Amino acid sequence: LVSILLLAGLQLTLPAMPMAAEAEPLASRNLSPLYANLGVPVLRSASTPQGGEWHASYRLHWASHSVRGTGRGASLEFDGETQRHDLSLRAGITERLALEINLPLIRHSGGRLDRVIDDWHGFWGLPDGYRDDQPRNRLRFASTDQPGFALEDSASGAGDAELGLAWRLLEGEPAIIAVFVQAKFATGSRERFTGTGDTGVSAGARVSLPRCFLKALACHAQLGLAEVGRIAFAPAADSRTAFASFAVAWNLNERLALIGQFDAHGVVYDSAPLDGKGAPLWGSLGLSWSFADPWTLNAEFSEDLTVGAAPDVTFMLGLSRRF
C-alpha cells in the first residue's frame, strides 16, 4: 500500500495524460462478521456505463477485527481477519440501463496484521481497544447468545453473488441521477461466514455532481433500503435496513484523485450484545490513479467511526479496466 501511494505521488510531477472518465467513489464495504454478507450495496457513480461499454474490476478488501461485547447474560467476540476478493463486471445494456454482476471469494483467518495495526495506533496515539488483551494472529468469531455461533478455524469459500440494474434518469449540469436495484443470492456458506443462507434485495437512488462547489471536486451520494433476508444466528433480527453513502473526489490532475468517503447503514439486531454500540458508520480515504488509459488502480483504508460496528481497520486495493 505504501509503495502504491508513493508511486501515485510521483504522478503529480509527470506530464498529464487525457483520462476517459472521472474517478469513481470507493467501493467500501462493512466487513464486520455481523454485517459483511447482508448485501448492502456499495457506492457507485450515478454515471452508468453507456450502451456497449464494459467496466471490469478486481478488488481486495482486507479487514482486521477486534470486538468484545456482553449483554443479557451473553458474550460476543470477534478477533481475526477477513479477506474479500470481488470480481465485478458492469455493462451498458442501453444508453441509460446498466447491468452489474459481482462474484466474491471470502476468507477468514487469524491473519498477520495485528502487529502492523498495533504500530499504526501507537504512531498516531490512537486507542488500541481490546487488542492488548487478545492473542495476536488468532481467529475467533463467537457468540453465546441463542442460537449462537463459533468459528475458530480458518474458513474460506464463495460469497453471496450480487446482480444489479441501474437506470440513469438524468444526466446534465449540475447533476447526474440514477435509480438502482440489486439482488443477493445465497451462494455463500453461513457456517463459514461467507454468506447468510438467504437471498436479499436492495433499491435506492444515486446522485453525482461532476462539479461540486469547485471545478476540481466531484461529489457522489446514495440512499436506499435493503431487504437482507433471514440471519441464521439471529432469527429475531430486522430483515430491513436503510443505507447511505457520501463521497468527495478531489481531482489532483487528469490521472490522480484523492477520495474521502463516509458510509453508514442501520442496526438490524434488536438486543445486546449483537446490536453493538449503534448504527455502523465508517470513513474511508483513498487514491484513484489512471496510470494508463483505460486502466485504473485504487488504494484505500477505512476506520470504524462507530467502534465495534465495523472492522477496526480495512485496507483495499483495486484494479479496473474499461472496454
Protein backbone atom coordinates (compact mmCIF):
# COMPACT_ATOMS: atom_id res chain seq x y z
CA LEU A 1 0.00 0.00 0.00
CA VAL A 2 2.82 2.42 0.88
CA SER A 3 4.58 1.65 -2.43
CA ILE A 4 1.41 2.40 -4.37
CA LEU A 5 0.89 5.71 -2.58
CA LEU A 6 4.49 6.72 -3.30
CA LEU A 7 4.16 5.78 -6.97
CA ALA A 8 0.90 7.69 -7.21
CA GLY A 9 2.54 10.71 -5.62
CA LEU A 10 5.21 10.74 -8.32
CA GLN A 11 2.49 11.16 -10.94
CA LEU A 12 1.86 14.71 -9.72
CA THR A 13 5.20 15.71 -11.27
CA LEU A 14 4.67 13.93 -14.60
CA PRO A 15 3.02 15.37 -17.73
CA ALA A 16 -0.73 14.89 -17.72
CA MET A 17 -2.49 12.38 -19.96
CA PRO A 18 -6.14 12.59 -21.00
CA MET A 19 -8.37 10.40 -18.89
CA ALA A 20 -11.55 8.85 -20.27
CA ALA A 21 -13.56 9.02 -17.03
CA GLU A 22 -13.56 10.80 -13.70
CA ALA A 23 -12.68 8.97 -10.51
CA GLU A 24 -15.32 6.59 -9.16
CA PRO A 25 -16.27 6.65 -5.47
CA LEU A 26 -14.75 4.00 -3.22
CA ALA A 27 -16.44 0.57 -3.26
CA SER A 28 -16.14 0.42 0.53
CA ARG A 29 -17.84 -2.40 2.49
CA ASN A 30 -18.55 -3.13 6.13
CA LEU A 31 -16.72 -6.43 6.62
CA SER A 32 -17.84 -6.95 10.23
CA PRO A 33 -18.90 -10.62 10.51
CA LEU A 34 -22.29 -9.31 11.67
CA TYR A 35 -22.91 -7.31 8.50
CA ALA A 36 -20.48 -8.34 5.75
CA ASN A 37 -22.85 -10.74 3.98
CA LEU A 38 -26.11 -8.77 4.15
CA GLY A 39 -25.77 -7.47 0.58
CA VAL A 40 -25.79 -3.73 1.38
CA PRO A 41 -24.85 -2.03 -1.94
CA VAL A 42 -21.56 -0.17 -2.28
CA LEU A 43 -21.49 3.42 -3.52
CA ARG A 44 -21.26 3.83 -7.29
CA SER A 45 -21.27 6.86 -9.57
CA ALA A 46 -24.69 7.75 -10.95
CA SER A 47 -23.00 7.94 -14.36
CA THR A 48 -23.59 4.36 -15.50
CA PRO A 49 -21.77 2.72 -18.44
CA GLN A 50 -23.45 3.57 -21.75
CA GLY A 51 -24.64 1.04 -24.30
CA GLY A 52 -21.81 -1.23 -25.42
CA GLU A 53 -19.40 -0.12 -22.66
CA TRP A 54 -17.91 -2.64 -20.22
CA HIS A 55 -16.19 -1.97 -16.89
CA ALA A 56 -14.34 -4.89 -15.26
CA SER A 57 -12.70 -4.68 -11.84
CA TYR A 58 -10.98 -6.71 -9.15
CA ARG A 59 -10.88 -5.54 -5.53
CA LEU A 60 -9.27 -6.93 -2.41
CA HIS A 61 -10.65 -5.86 0.97
CA TRP A 62 -8.51 -6.88 3.95
CA ALA A 63 -10.12 -6.19 7.33
CA SER A 64 -8.94 -6.67 10.91
CA HIS A 65 -11.47 -7.33 13.70
CA SER A 66 -11.13 -6.65 17.43
CA VAL A 67 -14.52 -6.59 19.18
CA ARG A 68 -15.85 -7.70 22.54
CA GLY A 69 -19.31 -7.20 23.99
CA THR A 70 -21.71 -8.51 26.62
CA GLY A 71 -25.42 -8.20 27.25
CA ARG A 72 -28.40 -10.19 28.55
CA GLY A 73 -26.02 -12.75 30.01
CA ALA A 74 -24.41 -13.43 26.61
CA SER A 75 -20.98 -12.55 25.21
CA LEU A 76 -19.67 -11.66 21.75
CA GLU A 77 -16.09 -11.69 20.44
CA PHE A 78 -14.57 -11.04 17.02
CA ASP A 79 -10.81 -11.48 16.73
CA GLY A 80 -9.18 -12.19 13.37
CA GLU A 81 -9.05 -11.02 9.78
CA THR A 82 -11.23 -11.17 6.70
CA GLN A 83 -10.05 -11.05 3.10
CA ARG A 84 -12.72 -10.45 0.49
CA HIS A 85 -11.92 -10.69 -3.23
CA ASP A 86 -14.56 -9.11 -5.51
CA LEU A 87 -14.65 -9.69 -9.27
CA SER A 88 -17.15 -7.27 -10.81
CA LEU A 89 -18.45 -6.61 -14.30
CA ARG A 90 -20.60 -3.61 -15.25
CA ALA A 91 -22.09 -3.46 -18.74
CA GLY A 92 -24.16 -0.83 -20.53
CA ILE A 93 -27.22 -2.58 -21.98
CA THR A 94 -28.70 0.61 -23.44
CA GLU A 95 -27.66 4.26 -23.28
CA ARG A 96 -29.29 4.53 -19.85
CA LEU A 97 -29.60 1.00 -18.46
CA ALA A 98 -26.59 -0.85 -16.99
CA LEU A 99 -26.12 -4.35 -15.55
CA GLU A 100 -23.68 -5.25 -12.76
CA ILE A 101 -22.51 -8.69 -11.60
CA ASN A 102 -20.30 -9.17 -8.53
CA LEU A 103 -18.72 -12.51 -7.55
CA PRO A 104 -16.96 -12.57 -4.15
CA LEU A 105 -14.48 -15.00 -2.61
CA ILE A 106 -14.08 -14.70 1.18
CA ARG A 107 -11.51 -15.98 3.66
CA HIS A 108 -11.45 -15.66 7.46
CA SER A 109 -8.22 -16.36 9.36
CA GLY A 110 -6.02 -15.29 12.24
CA GLY A 111 -4.13 -13.22 9.70
CA ARG A 112 -0.96 -11.20 10.07
CA LEU A 113 -1.98 -7.55 10.50
CA ASP A 114 -2.08 -7.33 14.31
CA ARG A 115 1.47 -6.05 14.75
CA VAL A 116 1.10 -3.58 11.88
CA ILE A 117 -2.12 -2.17 13.35
CA ASP A 118 -0.64 -2.00 16.88
CA ASP A 119 2.28 0.02 15.48
CA TRP A 120 -0.11 2.21 13.45
CA HIS A 121 -2.20 3.01 16.55
CA GLY A 122 0.93 3.65 18.59
CA PHE A 123 2.39 6.01 15.98
CA TRP A 124 -0.77 8.15 15.83
CA GLY A 125 -1.60 7.82 19.53
CA LEU A 126 -4.89 6.04 18.80
CA PRO A 127 -6.57 3.74 21.34
CA ASP A 128 -5.88 0.03 20.83
CA GLY A 129 -9.22 -1.17 22.19
CA TYR A 130 -9.23 -4.85 23.15
CA ARG A 131 -6.11 -5.68 21.13
CA ASP A 132 -3.85 -5.60 24.19
CA ASP A 133 -5.94 -8.39 25.77
CA GLN A 134 -6.34 -10.61 22.69
CA PRO A 135 -3.71 -13.05 21.35
CA ARG A 136 -2.07 -11.95 18.12
CA ASN A 137 -2.99 -13.61 14.82
CA ARG A 138 -5.86 -15.63 16.30
CA LEU A 139 -9.25 -16.35 14.71
CA ARG A 140 -12.27 -16.34 16.98
CA PHE A 141 -15.79 -15.37 15.92
CA ALA A 142 -18.03 -16.41 18.80
CA SER A 143 -21.34 -15.57 20.47
CA THR A 144 -23.01 -17.34 23.38
CA ASP A 145 -26.38 -15.76 22.59
CA GLN A 146 -29.01 -18.19 21.32
CA PRO A 147 -28.62 -19.85 18.88
CA GLY A 148 -25.04 -18.55 18.98
CA PHE A 149 -22.06 -19.33 16.76
CA ALA A 150 -18.36 -20.17 16.93
CA LEU A 151 -15.66 -20.09 14.25
CA GLU A 152 -12.07 -20.73 15.37
CA ASP A 153 -10.52 -22.45 12.34
CA SER A 154 -9.70 -20.68 9.08
CA ALA A 155 -12.58 -20.81 6.61
CA SER A 156 -13.00 -19.73 3.01
CA GLY A 157 -15.34 -20.07 0.07
CA ALA A 158 -17.56 -18.27 -2.40
CA GLY A 159 -19.61 -15.42 -1.00
CA ASP A 160 -23.15 -14.35 -1.86
CA ALA A 161 -23.23 -13.27 -5.50
CA GLU A 162 -24.83 -9.93 -6.40
CA LEU A 163 -26.74 -8.89 -9.53
CA GLY A 164 -27.85 -5.31 -10.08
CA LEU A 165 -29.51 -2.96 -12.56
CA ALA A 166 -29.07 0.84 -12.68
CA TRP A 167 -31.16 3.27 -14.70
CA ARG A 168 -29.77 6.74 -15.40
CA LEU A 169 -32.72 9.11 -15.09
CA LEU A 170 -30.92 12.39 -15.71
CA GLU A 171 -27.51 13.41 -16.98
CA GLY A 172 -26.52 17.02 -17.34
CA GLU A 173 -25.50 20.10 -15.39
CA PRO A 174 -25.25 20.19 -12.49
CA ALA A 175 -26.30 16.64 -11.54
CA ILE A 176 -26.50 13.05 -12.72
CA ILE A 177 -29.29 11.00 -11.11
CA ALA A 178 -29.82 7.22 -11.27
CA VAL A 179 -32.01 4.63 -9.54
CA PHE A 180 -30.88 1.07 -8.93
CA VAL A 181 -31.95 -2.35 -7.67
CA GLN A 182 -29.67 -5.15 -6.50
CA ALA A 183 -30.35 -8.81 -5.69
CA LYS A 184 -28.21 -11.00 -3.43
CA PHE A 185 -28.15 -14.77 -3.90
CA ALA A 186 -27.46 -17.44 -1.26
CA THR A 187 -24.28 -18.78 -2.89
CA GLY A 188 -22.15 -18.44 0.27
CA SER A 189 -22.00 -20.60 3.40
CA ARG A 190 -23.49 -19.40 6.69
CA GLU A 191 -21.39 -21.96 8.61
CA ARG A 192 -18.16 -20.50 7.17
CA PHE A 193 -19.40 -16.89 7.48
CA THR A 194 -19.21 -16.37 3.70
CA GLY A 195 -22.98 -15.93 3.31
CA THR A 196 -26.22 -15.59 5.25
CA GLY A 197 -28.01 -18.60 3.79
CA ASP A 198 -30.80 -16.39 2.43
CA THR A 199 -31.48 -14.09 -0.51
CA GLY A 200 -31.95 -10.33 -0.34
CA VAL A 201 -32.84 -7.32 -2.47
CA SER A 202 -31.96 -3.62 -2.25
CA ALA A 203 -33.13 -0.48 -4.03
CA GLY A 204 -32.14 3.16 -3.92
CA ALA A 205 -31.07 6.32 -5.74
CA ARG A 206 -27.68 7.82 -6.57
CA VAL A 207 -26.67 11.40 -7.33
CA SER A 208 -23.34 12.58 -8.76
CA LEU A 209 -22.18 16.19 -9.14
CA PRO A 210 -19.23 16.31 -11.59
CA ARG A 211 -18.50 19.87 -10.41
CA CYS A 212 -19.20 20.03 -6.68
CA PHE A 213 -18.62 23.57 -5.32
CA LEU A 214 -15.20 23.68 -7.03
CA LYS A 215 -14.15 22.64 -10.52
CA ALA A 216 -11.66 20.08 -9.18
CA LEU A 217 -14.20 18.43 -6.84
CA ALA A 218 -16.82 15.80 -7.66
CA CYS A 219 -19.46 14.54 -5.20
CA HIS A 220 -21.34 11.23 -5.09
CA ALA A 221 -24.16 10.13 -2.79
CA GLN A 222 -26.60 7.25 -2.46
CA LEU A 223 -29.59 6.47 -0.26
CA GLY A 224 -31.65 3.29 -0.16
CA LEU A 225 -33.30 0.41 1.65
CA ALA A 226 -32.06 -3.20 1.81
CA GLU A 227 -34.16 -6.29 2.45
CA VAL A 228 -31.39 -8.53 3.81
CA GLY A 229 -33.39 -11.71 4.45
CA ARG A 230 -33.18 -14.01 7.45
CA ILE A 231 -29.98 -14.16 9.52
CA ALA A 232 -29.42 -17.71 10.78
CA PHE A 233 -27.66 -16.85 14.06
CA ALA A 234 -30.16 -14.05 14.89
CA PRO A 235 -33.68 -15.15 13.86
CA ALA A 236 -35.25 -12.11 15.57
CA ALA A 237 -33.11 -9.59 13.65
CA ASP A 238 -34.79 -6.98 11.48
CA SER A 239 -34.81 -8.02 7.83
CA ARG A 240 -34.66 -4.42 6.55
CA THR A 241 -32.06 -1.70 6.92
CA ALA A 242 -31.56 1.75 5.41
CA PHE A 243 -28.15 2.68 3.99
CA ALA A 244 -26.43 5.89 2.89
CA SER A 245 -23.05 6.96 1.48
CA PHE A 246 -21.36 10.23 0.55
CA ALA A 247 -18.01 10.76 -1.20
CA VAL A 248 -15.94 13.72 -2.39
CA ALA A 249 -13.29 13.20 -5.09
CA TRP A 250 -10.58 15.81 -5.47
CA ASN A 251 -9.08 15.56 -8.96
CA LEU A 252 -5.44 16.47 -8.36
CA ASN A 253 -4.72 16.23 -12.08
CA GLU A 254 -6.05 14.31 -15.10
CA ARG A 255 -4.80 10.99 -13.72
CA LEU A 256 -4.88 11.17 -9.95
CA ALA A 257 -7.73 11.76 -7.50
CA LEU A 258 -7.93 11.79 -3.70
CA ILE A 259 -11.26 10.46 -2.39
CA GLY A 260 -12.84 10.79 1.03
CA GLN A 261 -15.99 8.87 1.86
CA PHE A 262 -18.48 8.09 4.63
CA ASP A 263 -20.74 5.01 4.63
CA ALA A 264 -23.48 4.01 7.07
CA HIS A 265 -26.39 1.63 7.45
CA GLY A 266 -28.89 0.76 10.15
CA VAL A 267 -28.69 -1.75 13.02
CA VAL A 268 -30.61 -4.95 12.26
CA TYR A 269 -30.04 -6.68 15.61
CA ASP A 270 -32.59 -5.96 18.32
CA SER A 271 -30.62 -6.58 21.51
CA ALA A 272 -27.16 -6.76 23.12
CA PRO A 273 -24.55 -7.96 22.54
CA LEU A 274 -25.21 -8.21 18.78
CA ASP A 275 -26.54 -4.66 18.44
CA GLY A 276 -23.09 -3.27 19.27
CA LYS A 277 -22.82 0.44 20.00
CA GLY A 278 -25.13 1.92 17.40
CA ALA A 279 -25.53 2.13 13.66
CA PRO A 280 -22.38 1.18 11.70
CA LEU A 281 -20.53 4.24 10.39
CA TRP A 282 -17.08 4.16 8.85
CA GLY A 283 -14.86 6.59 6.99
CA SER A 284 -12.51 5.87 4.09
CA LEU A 285 -9.67 7.69 2.36
CA GLY A 286 -8.21 6.53 -0.94
CA LEU A 287 -6.36 7.32 -4.14
CA SER A 288 -7.52 6.61 -7.69
CA TRP A 289 -4.72 6.54 -10.27
CA SER A 290 -5.40 6.23 -14.03
CA PHE A 291 -1.86 5.12 -14.80
CA ALA A 292 -2.60 4.07 -18.40
CA ASP A 293 -5.90 4.61 -20.13
CA PRO A 294 -8.15 2.55 -19.81
CA TRP A 295 -6.58 1.10 -16.61
CA THR A 296 -7.15 2.49 -13.09
CA LEU A 297 -5.53 1.50 -9.79
CA ASN A 298 -7.18 2.22 -6.43
CA ALA A 299 -5.80 2.06 -2.88
CA GLU A 300 -7.67 2.97 0.29
CA PHE A 301 -8.07 2.37 4.00
CA SER A 302 -11.08 2.78 6.28
CA GLU A 303 -11.59 3.16 10.03
CA ASP A 304 -14.67 2.42 12.11
CA LEU A 305 -16.29 5.59 13.42
CA THR A 306 -18.87 3.64 15.43
CA VAL A 307 -16.48 1.40 17.37
CA GLY A 308 -17.38 -2.28 17.22
CA ALA A 309 -19.98 -1.97 14.44
CA ALA A 310 -17.43 -2.13 11.60
CA PRO A 311 -13.90 -3.55 11.33
CA ASP A 312 -11.16 -1.79 13.28
CA VAL A 313 -9.21 -1.19 10.05
CA THR A 314 -9.84 -2.22 6.43
CA PHE A 315 -7.36 -1.90 3.56
CA MET A 316 -8.44 -2.08 -0.08
CA LEU A 317 -6.57 -2.49 -3.34
CA GLY A 318 -8.34 -2.49 -6.69
CA LEU A 319 -7.62 -2.68 -10.41
CA SER A 320 -10.20 -1.82 -13.09
CA ARG A 321 -10.38 -1.56 -16.87
CA ARG A 322 -12.87 -0.03 -19.30
CA PHE A 323 -13.72 -1.72 -22.57
